[in-house]
PDB file of N, CA and C in Angstrom:
ATOM      1  N   MET A   1     -78.415  32.237 -49.574  1.00  0.00           N
ATOM      2  CA  MET A   1     -78.365  31.171 -50.586  1.00  0.00           C
ATOM      3  C   MET A   1     -79.550  31.329 -51.542  1.00  0.00           C
ATOM      4  N   ILE A   2     -79.286  31.093 -52.830  1.00  0.00           N
ATOM      5  CA  ILE A   2     -80.356  31.186 -53.823  1.00  0.00           C
ATOM      6  C   ILE A   2     -80.890  29.809 -54.103  1.00  0.00           C
ATOM      7  N   SER A   3     -82.109  29.756 -54.646  1.00  0.00           N
ATOM      8  CA  SER A   3     -82.746  28.511 -54.985  1.00  0.00           C
ATOM      9  C   SER A   3     -82.334  28.098 -56.416  1.00  0.00           C
ATOM     10  N   CYS A   4     -82.686  26.917 -56.802  1.00  0.00           N
ATOM     11  CA  CYS A   4     -82.437  26.448 -58.186  1.00  0.00           C
ATOM     12  C   CYS A   4     -83.141  27.351 -59.186  1.00  0.00           C
ATOM     13  N   LYS A   5     -84.393  27.699 -58.894  1.00  0.00           N
ATOM     14  CA  LYS A   5     -85.146  28.569 -59.798  1.00  0.00           C
ATOM     15  C   LYS A   5     -84.468  29.937 -59.941  1.00  0.00           C
ATOM     16  N   GLN A   6     -83.987  30.472 -58.857  1.00  0.00           N
ATOM     17  CA  GLN A   6     -83.290  31.762 -58.935  1.00  0.00           C
ATOM     18  C   GLN A   6     -82.006  31.633 -59.768  1.00  0.00           C
ATOM     19  N   LEU A   7     -81.313  30.539 -59.585  1.00  0.00           N
ATOM     20  CA  LEU A   7     -80.082  30.356 -60.384  1.00  0.00           C
ATOM     21  C   LEU A   7     -80.451  30.380 -61.868  1.00  0.00           C
ATOM     22  N   ILE A   8     -81.485  29.697 -62.244  1.00  0.00           N
ATOM     23  CA  ILE A   8     -81.892  29.673 -63.664  1.00  0.00           C
ATOM     24  C   ILE A   8     -82.249  31.077 -64.119  1.00  0.00           C
ATOM     25  N   ASP A   9     -82.975  31.819 -63.259  1.00  0.00           N
ATOM     26  CA  ASP A   9     -83.363  33.186 -63.609  1.00  0.00           C
ATOM     27  C   ASP A   9     -82.164  34.118 -63.737  1.00  0.00           C
ATOM     28  N   PHE A  10     -81.109  33.838 -62.994  1.00  0.00           N
ATOM     29  CA  PHE A  10     -79.918  34.716 -62.960  1.00  0.00           C
ATOM     30  C   PHE A  10     -78.874  34.361 -64.050  1.00  0.00           C
ATOM     31  N   CYS A  11     -79.046  33.305 -64.778  1.00  0.00           N
ATOM     32  CA  CYS A  11     -77.997  32.845 -65.717  1.00  0.00           C
ATOM     33  C   CYS A  11     -77.534  33.937 -66.695  1.00  0.00           C
ATOM     34  N   VAL A  12     -78.455  34.585 -67.346  1.00  0.00           N
ATOM     35  CA  VAL A  12     -78.091  35.596 -68.332  1.00  0.00           C
ATOM     36  C   VAL A  12     -77.310  36.730 -67.672  1.00  0.00           C
ATOM     37  N   ASP A  13     -77.827  37.232 -66.571  1.00  0.00           N
ATOM     38  CA  ASP A  13     -77.174  38.343 -65.863  1.00  0.00           C
ATOM     39  C   ASP A  13     -75.799  37.914 -65.348  1.00  0.00           C
ATOM     40  N   TYR A  14     -75.689  36.682 -64.902  1.00  0.00           N
ATOM     41  CA  TYR A  14     -74.374  36.182 -64.423  1.00  0.00           C
ATOM     42  C   TYR A  14     -73.372  36.139 -65.541  1.00  0.00           C
ATOM     43  N   LEU A  15     -73.757  35.581 -66.682  1.00  0.00           N
ATOM     44  CA  LEU A  15     -72.843  35.458 -67.810  1.00  0.00           C
ATOM     45  C   LEU A  15     -72.461  36.820 -68.399  1.00  0.00           C
ATOM     46  N   GLU A  16     -73.369  37.788 -68.323  1.00  0.00           N
ATOM     47  CA  GLU A  16     -73.117  39.102 -68.882  1.00  0.00           C
ATOM     48  C   GLU A  16     -72.415  40.028 -67.861  1.00  0.00           C
ATOM     49  N   GLY A  17     -72.228  39.525 -66.646  1.00  0.00           N
ATOM     50  CA  GLY A  17     -71.585  40.329 -65.625  1.00  0.00           C
ATOM     51  C   GLY A  17     -72.448  41.394 -65.025  1.00  0.00           C
ATOM     52  N   ASP A  18     -73.772  41.229 -65.173  1.00  0.00           N
ATOM     53  CA  ASP A  18     -74.720  42.235 -64.671  1.00  0.00           C
ATOM     54  C   ASP A  18     -75.303  41.874 -63.299  1.00  0.00           C
ATOM     55  N   LEU A  19     -74.910  40.765 -62.743  1.00  0.00           N
ATOM     56  CA  LEU A  19     -75.425  40.344 -61.457  1.00  0.00           C
ATOM     57  C   LEU A  19     -74.674  41.053 -60.350  1.00  0.00           C
ATOM     58  N   PRO A  20     -75.366  41.666 -59.384  1.00  0.00           N
ATOM     59  CA  PRO A  20     -74.675  42.324 -58.272  1.00  0.00           C
ATOM     60  C   PRO A  20     -73.750  41.319 -57.554  1.00  0.00           C
ATOM     61  N   ASP A  21     -72.747  41.877 -56.877  1.00  0.00           N
ATOM     62  CA  ASP A  21     -71.706  41.028 -56.235  1.00  0.00           C
ATOM     63  C   ASP A  21     -72.281  39.965 -55.316  1.00  0.00           C
ATOM     64  N   GLN A  22     -73.234  40.311 -54.456  1.00  0.00           N
ATOM     65  CA  GLN A  22     -73.760  39.330 -53.521  1.00  0.00           C
ATOM     66  C   GLN A  22     -74.455  38.178 -54.251  1.00  0.00           C
ATOM     67  N   GLU A  23     -75.231  38.520 -55.290  1.00  0.00           N
ATOM     68  CA  GLU A  23     -75.912  37.460 -56.075  1.00  0.00           C
ATOM     69  C   GLU A  23     -74.912  36.593 -56.823  1.00  0.00           C
ATOM     70  N   GLN A  24     -73.801  37.207 -57.321  1.00  0.00           N
ATOM     71  CA  GLN A  24     -72.766  36.450 -57.972  1.00  0.00           C
ATOM     72  C   GLN A  24     -72.173  35.427 -57.007  1.00  0.00           C
ATOM     73  N   GLN A  25     -71.900  35.864 -55.800  1.00  0.00           N
ATOM     74  CA  GLN A  25     -71.355  34.941 -54.774  1.00  0.00           C
ATOM     75  C   GLN A  25     -72.355  33.833 -54.460  1.00  0.00           C
ATOM     76  N   ASP A  26     -73.632  34.207 -54.309  1.00  0.00           N
ATOM     77  CA  ASP A  26     -74.662  33.215 -54.021  1.00  0.00           C
ATOM     78  C   ASP A  26     -74.798  32.218 -55.187  1.00  0.00           C
ATOM     79  N   PHE A  27     -74.702  32.750 -56.416  1.00  0.00           N
ATOM     80  CA  PHE A  27     -74.778  31.936 -57.624  1.00  0.00           C
ATOM     81  C   PHE A  27     -73.679  30.867 -57.597  1.00  0.00           C
ATOM     82  N   ARG A  28     -72.420  31.328 -57.399  1.00  0.00           N
ATOM     83  CA  ARG A  28     -71.311  30.397 -57.350  1.00  0.00           C
ATOM     84  C   ARG A  28     -71.406  29.431 -56.198  1.00  0.00           C
ATOM     85  N   ARG A  29     -71.861  29.889 -55.037  1.00  0.00           N
ATOM     86  CA  ARG A  29     -72.041  29.010 -53.881  1.00  0.00           C
ATOM     87  C   ARG A  29     -73.043  27.920 -54.187  1.00  0.00           C
ATOM     88  N   HIS A  30     -74.143  28.312 -54.825  1.00  0.00           N
ATOM     89  CA  HIS A  30     -75.172  27.338 -55.176  1.00  0.00           C
ATOM     90  C   HIS A  30     -74.600  26.281 -56.126  1.00  0.00           C
ATOM     91  N   LEU A  31     -73.845  26.729 -57.124  1.00  0.00           N
ATOM     92  CA  LEU A  31     -73.223  25.779 -58.052  1.00  0.00           C
ATOM     93  C   LEU A  31     -72.274  24.834 -57.335  1.00  0.00           C
ATOM     94  N   GLY A  32     -71.648  25.314 -56.275  1.00  0.00           N
ATOM     95  CA  GLY A  32     -70.745  24.465 -55.505  1.00  0.00           C
ATOM     96  C   GLY A  32     -71.465  23.371 -54.720  1.00  0.00           C
ATOM     97  N   LEU A  33     -72.776  23.537 -54.567  1.00  0.00           N
ATOM     98  CA  LEU A  33     -73.534  22.579 -53.734  1.00  0.00           C
ATOM     99  C   LEU A  33     -74.558  21.770 -54.520  1.00  0.00           C
ATOM    100  N   CYS A  34     -74.863  22.173 -55.738  1.00  0.00           N
ATOM    101  CA  CYS A  34     -75.988  21.553 -56.462  1.00  0.00           C
ATOM    102  C   CYS A  34     -75.521  21.003 -57.832  1.00  0.00           C
ATOM    103  N   SER A  35     -75.315  19.728 -57.896  1.00  0.00           N
ATOM    104  CA  SER A  35     -74.844  19.130 -59.143  1.00  0.00           C
ATOM    105  C   SER A  35     -75.831  19.238 -60.295  1.00  0.00           C
ATOM    106  N   HIS A  36     -77.136  19.284 -59.981  1.00  0.00           N
ATOM    107  CA  HIS A  36     -78.151  19.415 -61.019  1.00  0.00           C
ATOM    108  C   HIS A  36     -78.003  20.795 -61.694  1.00  0.00           C
ATOM    109  N   CYS A  37     -77.782  21.825 -60.865  1.00  0.00           N
ATOM    110  CA  CYS A  37     -77.630  23.172 -61.457  1.00  0.00           C
ATOM    111  C   CYS A  37     -76.301  23.320 -62.210  1.00  0.00           C
ATOM    112  N   VAL A  38     -75.278  22.600 -61.754  1.00  0.00           N
ATOM    113  CA  VAL A  38     -74.011  22.615 -62.474  1.00  0.00           C
ATOM    114  C   VAL A  38     -74.244  22.043 -63.887  1.00  0.00           C
ATOM    115  N   SER A  39     -74.935  20.937 -64.001  1.00  0.00           N
ATOM    116  CA  SER A  39     -75.232  20.318 -65.289  1.00  0.00           C
ATOM    117  C   SER A  39     -76.043  21.280 -66.149  1.00  0.00           C
ATOM    118  N   PHE A  40     -77.077  21.871 -65.554  1.00  0.00           N
ATOM    119  CA  PHE A  40     -77.920  22.820 -66.315  1.00  0.00           C
ATOM    120  C   PHE A  40     -77.055  23.987 -66.799  1.00  0.00           C
ATOM    121  N   PHE A  41     -76.268  24.573 -65.914  1.00  0.00           N
ATOM    122  CA  PHE A  41     -75.500  25.785 -66.256  1.00  0.00           C
ATOM    123  C   PHE A  41     -74.444  25.469 -67.349  1.00  0.00           C
ATOM    124  N   GLU A  42     -73.798  24.321 -67.255  1.00  0.00           N
ATOM    125  CA  GLU A  42     -72.827  23.961 -68.277  1.00  0.00           C
ATOM    126  C   GLU A  42     -73.512  23.819 -69.647  1.00  0.00           C
ATOM    127  N   THR A  43     -74.649  23.209 -69.660  1.00  0.00           N
ATOM    128  CA  THR A  43     -75.415  23.063 -70.886  1.00  0.00           C
ATOM    129  C   THR A  43     -75.862  24.427 -71.389  1.00  0.00           C
ATOM    130  N   TYR A  44     -76.342  25.291 -70.505  1.00  0.00           N
ATOM    131  CA  TYR A  44     -76.783  26.631 -70.836  1.00  0.00           C
ATOM    132  C   TYR A  44     -75.652  27.427 -71.473  1.00  0.00           C
ATOM    133  N   GLN A  45     -74.447  27.320 -70.909  1.00  0.00           N
ATOM    134  CA  GLN A  45     -73.298  28.031 -71.432  1.00  0.00           C
ATOM    135  C   GLN A  45     -72.910  27.566 -72.821  1.00  0.00           C
ATOM    136  N   ARG A  46     -73.016  26.267 -73.064  1.00  0.00           N
ATOM    137  CA  ARG A  46     -72.560  25.670 -74.355  1.00  0.00           C
ATOM    138  C   ARG A  46     -73.600  25.805 -75.459  1.00  0.00           C
ATOM    139  N   THR A  47     -74.833  26.103 -75.166  1.00  0.00           N
ATOM    140  CA  THR A  47     -75.871  26.111 -76.180  1.00  0.00           C
ATOM    141  C   THR A  47     -75.586  27.029 -77.365  1.00  0.00           C
ATOM    142  N   PRO A  48     -75.182  28.267 -77.148  1.00  0.00           N
ATOM    143  CA  PRO A  48     -74.856  29.126 -78.319  1.00  0.00           C
ATOM    144  C   PRO A  48     -73.752  28.543 -79.195  1.00  0.00           C
ATOM    145  N   GLN A  49     -72.697  28.018 -78.590  1.00  0.00           N
ATOM    146  CA  GLN A  49     -71.621  27.449 -79.325  1.00  0.00           C
ATOM    147  C   GLN A  49     -72.065  26.220 -80.130  1.00  0.00           C
ATOM    148  N   ILE A  50     -72.823  25.362 -79.511  1.00  0.00           N
ATOM    149  CA  ILE A  50     -73.322  24.171 -80.207  1.00  0.00           C
ATOM    150  C   ILE A  50     -74.211  24.580 -81.358  1.00  0.00           C
ATOM    151  N   SER A  51     -75.058  25.564 -81.151  1.00  0.00           N
ATOM    152  CA  SER A  51     -75.955  26.041 -82.209  1.00  0.00           C
ATOM    153  C   SER A  51     -75.149  26.545 -83.410  1.00  0.00           C
ATOM    154  N   ARG A  52     -74.105  27.309 -83.134  1.00  0.00           N
ATOM    155  CA  ARG A  52     -73.276  27.816 -84.246  1.00  0.00           C
ATOM    156  C   ARG A  52     -72.621  26.656 -84.995  1.00  0.00           C
ATOM    157  N   GLU A  53     -72.127  25.668 -84.254  1.00  0.00           N
ATOM    158  CA  GLU A  53     -71.445  24.519 -84.898  1.00  0.00           C
ATOM    159  C   GLU A  53     -72.421  23.757 -85.767  1.00  0.00           C
ATOM    160  N   VAL A  54     -73.644  23.568 -85.268  1.00  0.00           N
ATOM    161  CA  VAL A  54     -74.644  22.819 -86.020  1.00  0.00           C
ATOM    162  C   VAL A  54     -74.994  23.537 -87.307  1.00  0.00           C
ATOM    163  N   LEU A  55     -75.134  24.853 -87.200  1.00  0.00           N
ATOM    164  CA  LEU A  55     -75.498  25.624 -88.395  1.00  0.00           C
ATOM    165  C   LEU A  55     -74.390  25.636 -89.444  1.00  0.00           C
ATOM    166  N   GLN A  56     -73.162  25.412 -89.028  1.00  0.00           N
ATOM    167  CA  GLN A  56     -72.043  25.383 -89.950  1.00  0.00           C
ATOM    168  C   GLN A  56     -71.788  24.000 -90.552  1.00  0.00           C
ATOM    169  N   THR A  57     -72.385  23.020 -89.981  1.00  0.00           N
ATOM    170  CA  THR A  57     -72.191  21.633 -90.449  1.00  0.00           C
ATOM    171  C   THR A  57     -73.009  21.367 -91.685  1.00  0.00           C
ATOM    172  N   ARG A  58     -72.373  20.795 -92.675  1.00  0.00           N
ATOM    173  CA  ARG A  58     -73.057  20.470 -93.924  1.00  0.00           C
ATOM    174  C   ARG A  58     -73.236  18.937 -93.987  1.00  0.00           C
ATOM    175  N   MET A  59     -74.394  18.570 -94.453  1.00  0.00           N
ATOM    176  CA  MET A  59     -74.694  17.165 -94.608  1.00  0.00           C
ATOM    177  C   MET A  59     -73.973  16.654 -95.847  1.00  0.00           C
ATOM    178  N   PRO A  60     -73.271  15.522 -95.738  1.00  0.00           N
ATOM    179  CA  PRO A  60     -72.614  14.937 -96.930  1.00  0.00           C
ATOM    180  C   PRO A  60     -73.631  14.696 -98.039  1.00  0.00           C
ATOM    181  N   ARG A  61     -73.200  14.904 -99.261  1.00  0.00           N
ATOM    182  CA  ARG A  61     -74.096  14.833-100.411  1.00  0.00           C
ATOM    183  C   ARG A  61     -74.808  13.477-100.477  1.00  0.00           C
ATOM    184  N   ASP A  62     -74.087  12.372-100.264  1.00  0.00           N
ATOM    185  CA  ASP A  62     -74.694  11.055-100.389  1.00  0.00           C
ATOM    186  C   ASP A  62     -75.761  10.851 -99.291  1.00  0.00           C
ATOM    187  N   VAL A  63     -75.505  11.398 -98.109  1.00  0.00           N
ATOM    188  CA  VAL A  63     -76.516  11.280 -97.046  1.00  0.00           C
ATOM    189  C   VAL A  63     -77.758  12.091 -97.394  1.00  0.00           C
ATOM    190  N   LYS A  64     -77.526  13.280 -97.905  1.00  0.00           N
ATOM    191  CA  LYS A  64     -78.625  14.159 -98.325  1.00  0.00           C
ATOM    192  C   LYS A  64     -79.492  13.459 -99.386  1.00  0.00           C
ATOM    193  N   GLU A  65     -78.831  12.875-100.385  1.00  0.00           N
ATOM    194  CA  GLU A  65     -79.556  12.189-101.453  1.00  0.00           C
ATOM    195  C   GLU A  65     -80.308  10.985-100.939  1.00  0.00           C
ATOM    196  N   SER A  66     -79.741  10.268 -99.996  1.00  0.00           N
ATOM    197  CA  SER A  66     -80.421   9.121 -99.393  1.00  0.00           C
ATOM    198  C   SER A  66     -81.674   9.556 -98.621  1.00  0.00           C
ATOM    199  N   VAL A  67     -81.546  10.592 -97.880  1.00  0.00           N
ATOM    200  CA  VAL A  67     -82.689  11.121 -97.102  1.00  0.00           C
ATOM    201  C   VAL A  67     -83.784  11.578 -98.055  1.00  0.00           C
ATOM    202  N   LEU A  68     -83.406  12.326 -99.080  1.00  0.00           N
ATOM    203  CA  LEU A  68     -84.411  12.788-100.049  1.00  0.00           C
ATOM    204  C   LEU A  68     -85.091  11.627-100.760  1.00  0.00           C
ATOM    205  N   ALA A  69     -84.323  10.628-101.130  1.00  0.00           N
ATOM    206  CA  ALA A  69     -84.915   9.459-101.779  1.00  0.00           C
ATOM    207  C   ALA A  69     -85.884   8.757-100.853  1.00  0.00           C
ATOM    208  N   TYR A  70     -85.504   8.602 -99.614  1.00  0.00           N
ATOM    209  CA  TYR A  70     -86.377   7.980 -98.624  1.00  0.00           C
ATOM    210  C   TYR A  70     -87.669   8.745 -98.462  1.00  0.00           C
ATOM    211  N   LEU A  71     -87.550  10.096 -98.359  1.00  0.00           N
ATOM    212  CA  LEU A  71     -88.759  10.933 -98.189  1.00  0.00           C
ATOM    213  C   LEU A  71     -89.653  10.884 -99.415  1.00  0.00           C
ATOM    214  N   ARG A  72     -89.036  10.908-100.611  1.00  0.00           N
ATOM    215  CA  ARG A  72     -89.839  10.794-101.818  1.00  0.00           C
ATOM    216  C   ARG A  72     -90.599   9.473-101.871  1.00  0.00           C
ATOM    217  N   GLU A  73     -89.910   8.394-101.463  1.00  0.00           N
ATOM    218  CA  GLU A  73     -90.549   7.087-101.445  1.00  0.00           C
ATOM    219  C   GLU A  73     -91.707   7.038-100.468  1.00  0.00           C
ATOM    220  N   ARG A  74     -91.535   7.635 -99.325  1.00  0.00           N
ATOM    221  CA  ARG A  74     -92.593   7.650 -98.300  1.00  0.00           C
ATOM    222  C   ARG A  74     -93.805   8.462 -98.768  1.00  0.00           C
ATOM    223  N   ILE A  75     -93.515   9.607 -99.429  1.00  0.00           N
ATOM    224  CA  ILE A  75     -94.602  10.458 -99.917  1.00  0.00           C
ATOM    225  C   ILE A  75     -95.364   9.731-101.029  1.00  0.00           C
ATOM    226  N   SER A  76     -94.672   9.077-101.929  1.00  0.00           N
ATOM    227  CA  SER A  76     -95.356   8.417-103.046  1.00  0.00           C
ATOM    228  C   SER A  76     -96.115   7.177-102.619  1.00  0.00           C
ATOM    229  N   SER A  77     -95.752   6.563-101.514  1.00  0.00           N
ATOM    230  CA  SER A  77     -96.435   5.352-101.048  1.00  0.00           C
ATOM    231  C   SER A  77     -97.674   5.701-100.181  1.00  0.00           C
ATOM    232  N   ASP A  78     -97.815   6.958 -99.778  1.00  0.00           N
ATOM    233  CA  ASP A  78     -98.990   7.358 -98.981  1.00  0.00           C
ATOM    234  C   ASP A  78    -100.122   7.632 -99.866  1.00  0.00           C
TER     235      ASP A  78
END
């Protein structure tokens, strides 16, 4: 059985298929027993996708103008 720290260390190799068979089995076994690591691993897997989605999202023009106006007001009042 692997520890939580080992699971974290093995994430990249597991996802890339580079983890030896025994460690893959231990990785999956640990996930079957540790809800904290399941939460971490799910988040770890989704991070690249979420990052891509955020980078593609554009701020609506009116929101952008409101934020800029607010920032200008804050700067001028300091």
